[in-house]
Protein backbone atom coordinates (compact mmCIF):
# COMPACT_ATOMS: atom_id res chain seq x y z
CA MET A 1 -57.07 22.26 64.16
CA LEU A 2 -56.18 23.02 60.55
CA ASN A 3 -59.87 23.40 59.79
CA SER A 4 -60.24 26.03 62.52
CA TRP A 5 -57.34 28.05 61.11
CA LEU A 6 -58.71 27.77 57.59
CA HIS A 7 -62.10 28.96 58.82
CA LEU A 8 -60.53 31.90 60.65
CA ILE A 9 -58.37 32.94 57.69
CA ALA A 10 -61.35 32.72 55.31
CA LEU A 11 -63.37 34.82 57.75
CA PHE A 12 -60.70 37.54 57.81
CA VAL A 13 -60.41 37.50 54.00
CA TYR A 14 -64.20 37.69 53.61
CA LEU A 15 -64.58 40.53 56.13
CA GLY A 16 -61.59 42.29 54.59
CA ALA A 17 -63.21 42.13 51.17
CA ILE A 18 -66.48 43.50 52.52
CA VAL A 19 -64.85 46.34 54.44
CA GLY A 20 -62.44 47.04 51.58
CA LEU A 21 -65.30 47.52 49.15
CA SER A 22 -66.95 50.17 51.32
CA ALA A 23 -63.85 51.78 52.81
CA ILE A 24 -61.41 51.74 49.88
CA LEU A 25 -62.88 50.80 46.51
CA LEU A 26 -66.11 52.79 46.34
CA PRO A 27 -64.65 55.98 47.89
CA SER A 28 -61.79 55.78 45.35
CA LEU A 29 -64.31 56.25 42.56
CA SER A 30 -65.04 59.81 43.69
CA VAL A 31 -61.40 60.79 43.06
CA ILE A 32 -61.53 59.74 39.40
CA GLU A 33 -62.98 62.48 37.23
CA LYS A 34 -63.57 60.85 33.82
CA HIS A 35 -66.63 58.63 33.57
CA GLU A 36 -64.96 56.00 31.37
CA ALA A 37 -61.96 55.84 33.71
CA LYS A 38 -64.33 55.28 36.66
CA ALA A 39 -66.07 52.44 34.84
CA GLN A 40 -62.76 50.86 33.84
CA PHE A 41 -61.37 51.15 37.38
CA LEU A 42 -64.51 49.58 38.85
CA VAL A 43 -64.42 46.73 36.34
CA ARG A 44 -60.77 45.92 37.15
CA ALA A 45 -61.44 46.07 40.89
CA LEU A 46 -64.59 43.95 40.72
CA LYS A 47 -62.79 41.30 38.68
CA PHE A 48 -60.56 40.83 41.72
CA TYR A 49 -63.21 41.43 44.38
CA ASN A 50 -65.93 39.04 43.14
CA PRO A 51 -63.88 35.80 43.17
CA LEU A 52 -62.23 36.82 46.44
CA GLN A 53 -65.54 37.43 48.20
CA ILE A 54 -67.37 34.38 46.87
CA GLY A 55 -64.33 32.11 47.23
CA ALA A 56 -63.78 33.12 50.86
CA LEU A 57 -67.49 32.67 51.55
CA GLY A 58 -67.37 29.17 50.05
CA ILE A 59 -64.40 28.22 52.21
CA LEU A 60 -66.23 29.62 55.25
CA ILE A 61 -69.29 27.51 54.51
CA PHE A 62 -67.39 24.25 54.04
CA SER A 63 -64.94 24.71 56.89
CA GLY A 64 -67.86 25.69 59.16
CA ALA A 65 -69.73 22.55 58.16
CA PHE A 66 -66.68 20.43 59.00
CA GLN A 67 -66.36 22.16 62.37
CA LEU A 68 -70.02 21.49 63.01
CA THR A 69 -69.42 17.81 62.41
CA GLU A 70 -66.64 17.90 65.00
CA LEU A 71 -68.93 19.65 67.50
CA LYS A 72 -71.63 17.07 66.87
CA ALA A 73 -69.20 14.27 67.64
CA ALA A 74 -68.04 15.99 70.83
CA TYR A 75 -71.52 16.78 72.20
CA ARG A 76 -73.22 13.58 70.98
CA GLU A 77 -76.78 13.32 72.34
CA LEU A 78 -76.54 16.74 74.03
CA PHE A 79 -75.85 18.48 70.72
CA VAL A 80 -79.41 19.58 69.96
CA ARG A 81 -80.17 20.57 73.56
CA GLN A 82 -76.98 22.53 74.06
CA LEU A 83 -76.50 24.11 70.62
CA GLY A 84 -79.73 23.64 68.68
CA PHE A 85 -81.26 27.09 69.10
CA SER A 86 -78.06 29.08 68.54
CA LEU A 87 -77.11 26.91 65.60
CA GLY A 88 -80.54 27.29 64.02
CA ILE A 89 -80.43 31.08 64.31
CA LYS A 90 -76.85 31.19 63.02
CA LEU A 91 -77.73 29.06 60.01
CA LEU A 92 -80.76 31.26 59.28
CA PHE A 93 -78.59 34.38 59.21
CA ALA A 94 -75.89 32.52 57.26
CA PHE A 95 -78.50 31.58 54.66
CA PHE A 96 -79.50 35.22 54.16
CA LEU A 97 -75.83 36.23 54.17
CA ILE A 98 -75.12 33.81 51.33
CA ILE A 99 -78.12 35.04 49.34
CA VAL A 100 -77.19 38.73 49.67
CA SER A 101 -73.47 38.09 49.05
CA VAL A 102 -74.17 36.15 45.87
CA TYR A 103 -76.67 38.82 44.77
CA GLN A 104 -74.06 41.53 45.30
CA SER A 105 -71.25 39.65 43.61
CA MET A 106 -73.06 37.88 40.80
CA GLY A 107 -76.29 39.82 40.38
CA VAL A 108 -74.85 43.32 40.54
CA ALA A 109 -71.08 43.35 40.11
CA HIS A 110 -70.61 40.46 37.67
CA ARG A 111 -73.41 41.68 35.40
CA PHE A 112 -71.79 45.12 35.28
CA VAL A 113 -68.39 43.64 34.40
CA LYS A 114 -69.89 41.51 31.63
CA ARG A 115 -71.81 44.47 30.21
CA HIS A 116 -68.67 46.59 30.16
CA GLU A 117 -66.60 43.83 28.57
CA ALA A 118 -69.26 43.31 25.91
CA GLY A 119 -68.77 46.92 24.87
CA GLU A 120 -72.10 48.25 26.10
CA THR A 121 -72.22 51.91 26.95
CA ILE A 122 -72.70 52.58 30.65
CA THR A 123 -74.14 55.97 31.47
CA ARG A 124 -73.23 58.07 34.49
CA GLU A 125 -76.64 57.37 35.99
CA GLU A 126 -76.20 53.62 35.59
CA LEU A 127 -72.76 53.80 37.19
CA ASP A 128 -74.12 55.86 40.08
CA THR A 129 -76.98 53.40 40.54
CA LEU A 130 -74.53 50.50 40.47
CA THR A 131 -72.30 52.04 43.14
CA ARG A 132 -75.33 52.77 45.34
CA ARG A 133 -76.52 49.18 44.96
CA LEU A 134 -73.07 47.85 45.79
CA GLN A 135 -72.79 50.13 48.83
CA SER A 136 -76.26 49.35 50.20
CA SER A 137 -75.94 45.61 49.66
CA ASN A 138 -72.50 45.75 51.26
CA TRP A 139 -73.95 47.23 54.46
CA VAL A 140 -76.53 44.45 54.56
CA VAL A 141 -73.80 41.85 54.01
CA LEU A 142 -71.69 43.35 56.79
CA LEU A 143 -74.60 43.39 59.23
CA LEU A 144 -75.56 39.79 58.42
CA ALA A 145 -71.91 38.71 58.71
CA LEU A 146 -71.55 40.28 62.15
CA ILE A 147 -74.77 38.69 63.40
CA THR A 148 -73.69 35.31 62.01
CA ILE A 149 -70.28 35.65 63.65
CA TRP A 150 -71.89 36.53 66.97
CA PHE A 151 -74.10 33.42 66.90
CA GLY A 152 -71.10 31.36 65.79
CA LEU A 153 -69.12 32.52 68.81
CA ARG A 154 -72.02 31.46 71.04
CA LEU A 155 -71.62 27.91 69.74
CA ARG A 156 -68.12 27.73 71.18
CA PHE A 157 -68.96 28.77 74.75
């Protein structure tokens, strides 16, 4: 029971982080006029966002694996017949979700934060490219998350 609540809370935190990036953080950049202030704002926000997103995803993965073990015990020999296809598809989408989420957080956002903290100059074009990459990868993450959730719900019914 506790595992189910933990999974649900982590799911809401993860989806909140994804939606918050597209709906709040990235649109807020357009209000800031100075380039350096934009970069500094994005760095501060991403320092909070990256651990939140990846941490919630990690909790989702482990709590989901524990729930899967409980389902396996409940279904016993019927597990593969009843849930095999849906589980396989869900895990396929979850795999791609993990890859794209880690790319967004570590490959794009974390690299930008480290470059800024190292004192490297970030041009307007680089900042614009970064925000476009974050936005486009975020849409892919959201789509993969919704598909994964849909297949996860099919495992329960």
